[in-house]
Amino acid sequence: MKKAMFALVLVSLSSSAFAADFSELAALKAPDLAVKTDAPAVPVPAAPVKETAEVPQDLVYKFTRVSNDLRRLEADTTWLRNDINRLESDARRIEQGSSNVFFSNDLRRMSMDMSRRAGDIQRLAMDLKSLLNSAQKDSRLNQLARDMEWNARDLDNRFQFDILNAAQNLEWTVRRIDPKKIGYDAQWAASDLTRSCRDIQWKTRDLRWDAQELVRRTQP
């Protein structure tokens, strides 16, 4: 009888404990059981890269052509000065009594050649000014512009201090000589030669300034 009563009490206590545990579990809320996780990182899009406008190929060609023309003109100044100095030496020998039947023709040909070069430089100056209107900031164009500036500066210095002075010395020598000895048109040809050299020197000065401005406008 005692054993039966003890078993009944034990079952009653176990049921009460189980009921209490179940009520506590039910009291837990869903947020308490949720597993906390970090939000996934959202990648930030990179800032768009600003692209440099591509330089048209025909513009590069124009820059290259003008640069080459300037370089050729600058290279020609050495033999131009030598030819004028040679003509002056011939005039001095005529002044001293020598005879040179070809002097007048040589002087006229030199004068005509210098006049033609004045026209070439005038066209080149117009081409360079057109480059100023279409210039873009680009490293390749800037390097070509710097080459132009270098050659234009040398060309200006050569005409100002070498070729123009040589032409003036030739004209002064020719004017001292009797036209019967040196030719009646020699003075006119010498004067035309000096005038063409002076015109070219004015144009080379403008070329030099425009080339400097072109370097500034193409600087990246």
Protein backbone atom coordinates (compact mmCIF):
# COMPACT_ATOMS: atom_id res chain seq x y z
CA MET A 1 0.00 0.00 0.00
CA LYS A 2 2.83 2.38 0.91
CA LYS A 3 4.67 1.57 -2.32
CA ALA A 4 1.58 2.46 -4.37
CA MET A 5 1.20 5.80 -2.64
CA PHE A 6 4.91 6.65 -3.19
CA ALA A 7 4.67 5.88 -6.93
CA LEU A 8 1.59 8.11 -7.25
CA VAL A 9 3.38 11.06 -5.64
CA LEU A 10 6.46 10.60 -7.89
CA VAL A 11 4.33 10.62 -11.06
CA SER A 12 2.56 13.78 -9.92
CA LEU A 13 5.85 15.64 -9.32
CA SER A 14 7.25 14.61 -12.74
CA SER A 15 4.14 15.88 -14.54
CA SER A 16 4.37 19.26 -12.76
CA ALA A 17 8.07 19.68 -13.70
CA PHE A 18 7.38 18.79 -17.33
CA ALA A 19 4.50 21.25 -17.52
CA ALA A 20 6.68 24.04 -16.08
CA ASP A 21 9.48 23.39 -18.62
CA PHE A 22 6.98 23.40 -21.50
CA SER A 23 5.47 26.71 -20.41
CA GLU A 24 8.89 28.34 -20.20
CA LEU A 25 9.74 27.10 -23.71
CA ALA A 26 6.48 28.43 -25.08
CA ALA A 27 7.19 31.80 -23.45
CA LEU A 28 10.27 32.26 -25.63
CA LYS A 29 9.47 34.58 -28.51
CA ALA A 30 10.48 34.02 -32.10
CA PRO A 31 12.94 37.00 -32.18
CA ASP A 32 14.81 35.38 -29.26
CA LEU A 33 15.31 32.22 -31.30
CA ALA A 34 16.35 34.01 -34.53
CA VAL A 35 19.99 33.74 -35.51
CA LYS A 36 21.55 37.16 -35.98
CA THR A 37 23.47 37.49 -39.24
CA ASP A 38 25.30 40.47 -40.76
CA ALA A 39 23.73 42.07 -43.82
CA PRO A 40 25.65 41.25 -47.03
CA ALA A 41 27.97 44.06 -48.25
CA VAL A 42 26.61 45.81 -51.33
CA PRO A 43 29.46 46.67 -53.76
CA VAL A 44 29.74 50.40 -54.50
CA PRO A 45 30.03 51.04 -58.23
CA ALA A 46 33.32 52.68 -59.23
CA ALA A 47 33.24 56.21 -60.57
CA PRO A 48 33.17 56.24 -64.37
CA VAL A 49 36.56 56.91 -65.96
CA LYS A 50 36.57 60.09 -67.99
CA GLU A 51 37.82 59.22 -71.44
CA THR A 52 40.03 61.61 -73.40
CA ALA A 53 38.63 62.59 -76.75
CA GLU A 54 40.53 60.82 -79.52
CA VAL A 55 42.49 63.16 -81.77
CA PRO A 56 41.42 62.83 -85.43
CA GLN A 57 44.10 61.27 -87.60
CA ASP A 58 43.84 64.01 -90.21
CA LEU A 59 44.69 66.59 -87.53
CA VAL A 60 47.80 64.62 -86.59
CA TYR A 61 48.74 64.54 -90.28
CA LYS A 62 48.36 68.33 -90.56
CA PHE A 63 50.55 68.90 -87.53
CA THR A 64 53.18 66.51 -88.90
CA ARG A 65 53.19 68.14 -92.34
CA VAL A 66 53.66 71.66 -90.99
CA SER A 67 56.39 70.45 -88.64
CA ASN A 68 58.25 68.78 -91.53
CA ASP A 69 57.94 71.88 -93.73
CA LEU A 70 59.38 74.05 -90.98
CA ARG A 71 62.27 71.66 -90.46
CA ARG A 72 63.11 71.65 -94.18
CA LEU A 73 63.04 75.44 -94.36
CA GLU A 74 65.33 75.72 -91.35
CA ALA A 75 67.76 73.20 -92.88
CA ASP A 76 67.87 75.20 -96.15
CA THR A 77 69.05 78.37 -94.42
CA THR A 78 72.65 77.16 -94.25
CA TRP A 79 73.18 76.85 -97.98
CA LEU A 80 71.10 79.97 -98.67
CA ARG A 81 73.51 82.04 -96.59
CA ASN A 82 76.47 80.37 -98.29
CA ASP A 83 75.08 81.15 -101.77
CA ILE A 84 74.55 84.81 -100.88
CA ASN A 85 78.04 85.05 -99.42
CA ARG A 86 79.44 83.47 -102.59
CA LEU A 87 77.66 86.09 -104.71
CA GLU A 88 79.13 88.85 -102.58
CA SER A 89 82.63 87.39 -103.04
CA ASP A 90 82.05 87.37 -106.82
CA ALA A 91 80.91 91.01 -106.65
CA ARG A 92 84.04 91.99 -104.73
CA ARG A 93 86.24 90.35 -107.36
CA ILE A 94 84.35 92.25 -110.08
CA GLU A 95 84.94 95.42 -108.07
CA GLN A 96 88.66 94.63 -108.07
CA GLY A 97 88.74 94.20 -111.85
CA SER A 98 87.75 90.59 -112.49
CA SER A 99 85.17 89.64 -115.13
CA ASN A 100 82.15 87.42 -114.50
CA VAL A 101 79.58 87.32 -117.27
CA PHE A 102 77.31 85.00 -115.26
CA PHE A 103 77.10 87.16 -112.15
CA SER A 104 74.02 89.11 -113.19
CA ASN A 105 72.10 85.94 -114.08
CA ASP A 106 73.14 84.22 -110.83
CA LEU A 107 72.02 87.22 -108.79
CA ARG A 108 68.69 87.41 -110.59
CA ARG A 109 68.09 83.68 -110.06
CA MET A 110 68.87 84.02 -106.35
CA SER A 111 66.45 86.93 -106.05
CA MET A 112 63.67 84.97 -107.78
CA ASP A 113 64.33 81.94 -105.59
CA MET A 114 64.09 84.02 -102.43
CA SER A 115 60.85 85.57 -103.64
CA ARG A 116 59.44 82.08 -104.16
CA ARG A 117 60.49 81.12 -100.65
CA ALA A 118 58.69 84.16 -99.28
CA GLY A 119 55.50 82.83 -100.85
CA ASP A 120 56.14 79.37 -99.40
CA ILE A 121 56.59 80.77 -95.92
CA GLN A 122 53.44 82.85 -96.29
CA ARG A 123 51.44 79.70 -97.07
CA LEU A 124 53.13 77.90 -94.17
CA ALA A 125 52.20 80.74 -91.83
CA MET A 126 48.55 80.40 -92.89
CA ASP A 127 48.67 76.64 -92.29
CA LEU A 128 50.08 77.21 -88.82
CA LYS A 129 47.34 79.70 -87.97
CA SER A 130 44.72 77.18 -89.05
CA LEU A 131 46.25 74.68 -86.60
CA LEU A 132 45.65 77.19 -83.81
CA ASN A 133 41.92 77.06 -84.52
CA SER A 134 41.75 73.25 -84.47
CA ALA A 135 44.32 72.51 -81.74
CA GLN A 136 43.47 69.97 -79.03
CA LYS A 137 45.17 69.16 -75.76
CA ASP A 138 47.14 66.03 -76.58
CA SER A 139 50.65 64.85 -75.78
CA ARG A 140 51.44 63.83 -79.36
CA LEU A 141 50.21 67.13 -80.81
CA ASN A 142 52.08 68.99 -78.09
CA GLN A 143 55.35 67.28 -79.05
CA LEU A 144 54.84 68.21 -82.70
CA ALA A 145 54.07 71.78 -81.64
CA ARG A 146 57.29 71.90 -79.62
CA ASP A 147 59.22 70.74 -82.70
CA MET A 148 57.59 73.55 -84.67
CA GLU A 149 58.54 76.08 -82.01
CA TRP A 150 62.15 74.90 -82.04
CA ASN A 151 62.47 75.07 -85.84
CA ALA A 152 60.57 78.36 -86.09
CA ARG A 153 62.91 79.93 -83.53
CA ASP A 154 66.01 78.75 -85.41
CA LEU A 155 64.50 79.86 -88.72
CA ASP A 156 63.77 83.32 -87.35
CA ASN A 157 67.26 83.69 -85.89
CA ARG A 158 68.93 82.55 -89.11
CA PHE A 159 67.04 84.99 -91.29
CA GLN A 160 67.35 87.87 -88.86
CA PHE A 161 71.05 87.57 -88.04
CA ASP A 162 72.54 85.63 -90.97
CA ILE A 163 70.63 85.67 -94.26
CA LEU A 164 69.21 89.20 -94.06
CA ASN A 165 72.62 90.61 -93.10
CA ALA A 166 74.28 88.67 -95.93
CA ALA A 167 71.74 90.03 -98.45
CA GLN A 168 72.25 93.61 -97.24
CA ASN A 169 76.04 93.26 -97.50
CA LEU A 170 75.64 91.93 -101.05
CA GLU A 171 73.39 94.85 -102.02
CA TRP A 172 75.83 97.40 -100.61
CA THR A 173 78.73 95.82 -102.49
CA VAL A 174 76.78 95.73 -105.77
CA ARG A 175 75.78 99.38 -105.43
CA ARG A 176 79.43 100.43 -105.19
CA ILE A 177 80.28 98.90 -108.56
CA ASP A 178 79.83 100.59 -111.90
CA PRO A 179 76.72 99.11 -113.63
CA LYS A 180 78.80 98.74 -116.83
CA LYS A 181 81.00 96.21 -115.02
CA ILE A 182 78.43 94.30 -113.01
CA GLY A 183 75.28 94.65 -115.13
CA TYR A 184 72.58 97.28 -115.28
CA ASP A 185 69.96 95.17 -113.56
CA ALA A 186 72.29 93.93 -110.78
CA GLN A 187 71.33 96.70 -108.37
CA TRP A 188 67.61 96.00 -108.87
CA ALA A 189 68.12 92.27 -108.37
CA ALA A 190 70.19 92.84 -105.21
CA SER A 191 67.55 95.21 -103.86
CA ASP A 192 64.77 92.68 -104.58
CA LEU A 193 66.79 89.98 -102.82
CA THR A 194 67.14 92.10 -99.69
CA ARG A 195 63.44 92.98 -99.71
CA SER A 196 62.43 89.31 -100.03
CA CYS A 197 64.74 88.36 -97.14
CA ARG A 198 63.24 91.12 -95.01
CA ASP A 199 59.70 89.96 -95.82
CA ILE A 200 60.64 86.40 -94.89
CA GLN A 201 62.15 87.56 -91.60
CA TRP A 202 58.89 89.30 -90.67
CA LYS A 203 56.99 86.10 -91.47
CA THR A 204 59.39 83.91 -89.48
CA ARG A 205 58.83 86.16 -86.47
CA ASP A 206 55.07 85.56 -86.76
CA LEU A 207 55.71 81.85 -87.21
CA ARG A 208 57.70 81.83 -83.99
CA TRP A 209 54.92 83.52 -82.01
CA ASP A 210 52.22 81.27 -83.45
CA ALA A 211 54.27 78.15 -82.71
CA GLN A 212 54.64 79.25 -79.09
CA GLU A 213 50.89 79.74 -78.82
CA LEU A 214 50.32 76.32 -80.41
CA VAL A 215 52.46 74.71 -77.71
CA ARG A 216 50.29 76.35 -75.05
CA ARG A 217 47.00 75.27 -76.64
CA THR A 218 48.08 71.62 -77.03
CA GLN A 219 49.58 71.25 -73.55
CA PRO A 220 47.72 68.33 -71.89
